Amino acid sequence: MTKDKPTVTIHGDLCKGCGLCIIHCPKEILSASDKINELGYLTTVVSGEGCIGCANCYIVCPEPGAITVVRP
């Protein structure tokens, strides 16, 4: 399947809920969730559509591998 729009994936098992990705998303598609991961942190989730593939979230995330941005 070919994707024609950028996508962002938050890997909840690695997310520490710092919120930096939420603050830096220009399209405001990320939000805090009430789900606690195995590490005991509230995770961030993709809560909207319209990712533009800017990768701001990926760049500011201090946790390696917690965010994946795919650009078509």
C-alpha atoms as a PDB file:
ATOM      1  CA  MET A   1       0.000   0.000   0.000  1.00  0.00           C
ATOM      2  CA  THR A   2       1.407   3.387  -1.007  1.00  0.00           C
ATOM      3  CA  LYS A   3       0.896   6.233   1.415  1.00  0.00           C
ATOM      4  CA  ASP A   4       0.479   9.658  -0.120  1.00  0.00           C
ATOM      5  CA  LYS A   5       0.468  11.633   3.133  1.00  0.00           C
ATOM      6  CA  PRO A   6       3.065  11.898   5.893  1.00  0.00           C
ATOM      7  CA  THR A   7       2.362   9.953   9.070  1.00  0.00           C
ATOM      8  CA  VAL A   8       3.620  10.091  12.625  1.00  0.00           C
ATOM      9  CA  THR A   9       3.661   7.161  15.020  1.00  0.00           C
ATOM     10  CA  ILE A  10       4.215   7.478  18.755  1.00  0.00           C
ATOM     11  CA  HIS A  11       5.629   4.280  20.225  1.00  0.00           C
ATOM     12  CA  GLY A  12       3.859   4.334  23.577  1.00  0.00           C
ATOM     13  CA  ASP A  13       6.123   1.731  25.129  1.00  0.00           C
ATOM     14  CA  LEU A  14       9.067   4.152  24.811  1.00  0.00           C
ATOM     15  CA  CYS A  15       7.292   7.479  25.396  1.00  0.00           C
ATOM     16  CA  LYS A  16       8.015   9.216  28.711  1.00  0.00           C
ATOM     17  CA  GLY A  17       5.265  11.799  28.304  1.00  0.00           C
ATOM     18  CA  CYS A  18       7.498  14.873  28.446  1.00  0.00           C
ATOM     19  CA  GLY A  19       5.162  16.731  26.063  1.00  0.00           C
ATOM     20  CA  LEU A  20       7.856  18.322  23.912  1.00  0.00           C
ATOM     21  CA  CYS A  21       6.385  16.799  20.762  1.00  0.00           C
ATOM     22  CA  ILE A  22       2.948  18.181  21.636  1.00  0.00           C
ATOM     23  CA  ILE A  23       4.304  21.698  22.114  1.00  0.00           C
ATOM     24  CA  HIS A  24       6.295  21.651  18.860  1.00  0.00           C
ATOM     25  CA  CYS A  25       3.668  20.189  16.517  1.00  0.00           C
ATOM     26  CA  PRO A  26       2.535  23.003  14.194  1.00  0.00           C
ATOM     27  CA  LYS A  27      -0.633  21.103  13.219  1.00  0.00           C
ATOM     28  CA  GLU A  28      -1.562  20.283  16.845  1.00  0.00           C
ATOM     29  CA  ILE A  29      -2.288  16.614  16.105  1.00  0.00           C
ATOM     30  CA  LEU A  30      -0.537  15.216  19.179  1.00  0.00           C
ATOM     31  CA  SER A  31      -1.982  15.161  22.675  1.00  0.00           C
ATOM     32  CA  ALA A  32      -1.415  13.710  26.119  1.00  0.00           C
ATOM     33  CA  SER A  33      -3.317  10.548  26.891  1.00  0.00           C
ATOM     34  CA  ASP A  34      -4.468   9.038  30.151  1.00  0.00           C
ATOM     35  CA  LYS A  35      -2.856   5.708  29.255  1.00  0.00           C
ATOM     36  CA  ILE A  36       0.085   4.636  31.410  1.00  0.00           C
ATOM     37  CA  ASN A  37       2.776   2.573  29.712  1.00  0.00           C
ATOM     38  CA  GLU A  38       4.864  -0.218  31.249  1.00  0.00           C
ATOM     39  CA  LEU A  39       7.440   2.329  32.418  1.00  0.00           C
ATOM     40  CA  GLY A  40       4.771   4.177  34.417  1.00  0.00           C
ATOM     41  CA  TYR A  41       4.513   7.250  32.182  1.00  0.00           C
ATOM     42  CA  LEU A  42       1.450   8.875  30.673  1.00  0.00           C
ATOM     43  CA  THR A  43       2.006   8.614  26.934  1.00  0.00           C
ATOM     44  CA  THR A  44       1.477  10.945  24.017  1.00  0.00           C
ATOM     45  CA  VAL A  45      -0.895   9.896  21.251  1.00  0.00           C
ATOM     46  CA  VAL A  46      -1.746  10.995  17.724  1.00  0.00           C
ATOM     47  CA  SER A  47      -5.179  12.523  18.218  1.00  0.00           C
ATOM     48  CA  GLY A  48      -5.760  14.243  14.906  1.00  0.00           C
ATOM     49  CA  GLU A  49      -5.044  14.219  11.200  1.00  0.00           C
ATOM     50  CA  GLY A  50      -3.028  16.505   9.002  1.00  0.00           C
ATOM     51  CA  CYS A  51       0.595  15.570   9.668  1.00  0.00           C
ATOM     52  CA  ILE A  52       2.798  17.558   7.281  1.00  0.00           C
ATOM     53  CA  GLY A  53       5.938  15.490   7.884  1.00  0.00           C
ATOM     54  CA  CYS A  54       7.905  18.364   9.413  1.00  0.00           C
ATOM     55  CA  ALA A  55       9.448  15.948  11.950  1.00  0.00           C
ATOM     56  CA  ASN A  56       9.548  18.594  14.688  1.00  0.00           C
ATOM     57  CA  CYS A  57       8.227  15.951  17.082  1.00  0.00           C
ATOM     58  CA  TYR A  58      10.980  13.534  16.119  1.00  0.00           C
ATOM     59  CA  ILE A  59      13.693  16.186  16.426  1.00  0.00           C
ATOM     60  CA  VAL A  60      12.704  17.417  19.898  1.00  0.00           C
ATOM     61  CA  CYS A  61      11.974  13.985  21.389  1.00  0.00           C
ATOM     62  CA  PRO A  62      14.687  13.079  23.911  1.00  0.00           C
ATOM     63  CA  GLU A  63      13.805   9.379  23.800  1.00  0.00           C
ATOM     64  CA  PRO A  64      15.445   7.525  20.869  1.00  0.00           C
ATOM     65  CA  GLY A  65      12.953   5.499  18.888  1.00  0.00           C
ATOM     66  CA  ALA A  66       9.810   6.854  20.561  1.00  0.00           C
ATOM     67  CA  ILE A  67       8.597   8.680  17.437  1.00  0.00           C
ATOM     68  CA  THR A  68       8.618   7.658  13.787  1.00  0.00           C
ATOM     69  CA  VAL A  69       7.763  10.082  10.988  1.00  0.00           C
ATOM     70  CA  VAL A  70       7.210   8.677   7.512  1.00  0.00           C
ATOM     71  CA  ARG A  71       7.214  10.954   4.502  1.00  0.00           C
ATOM     72  CA  PRO A  72       5.905   9.540   1.211  1.00  0.00           C
END
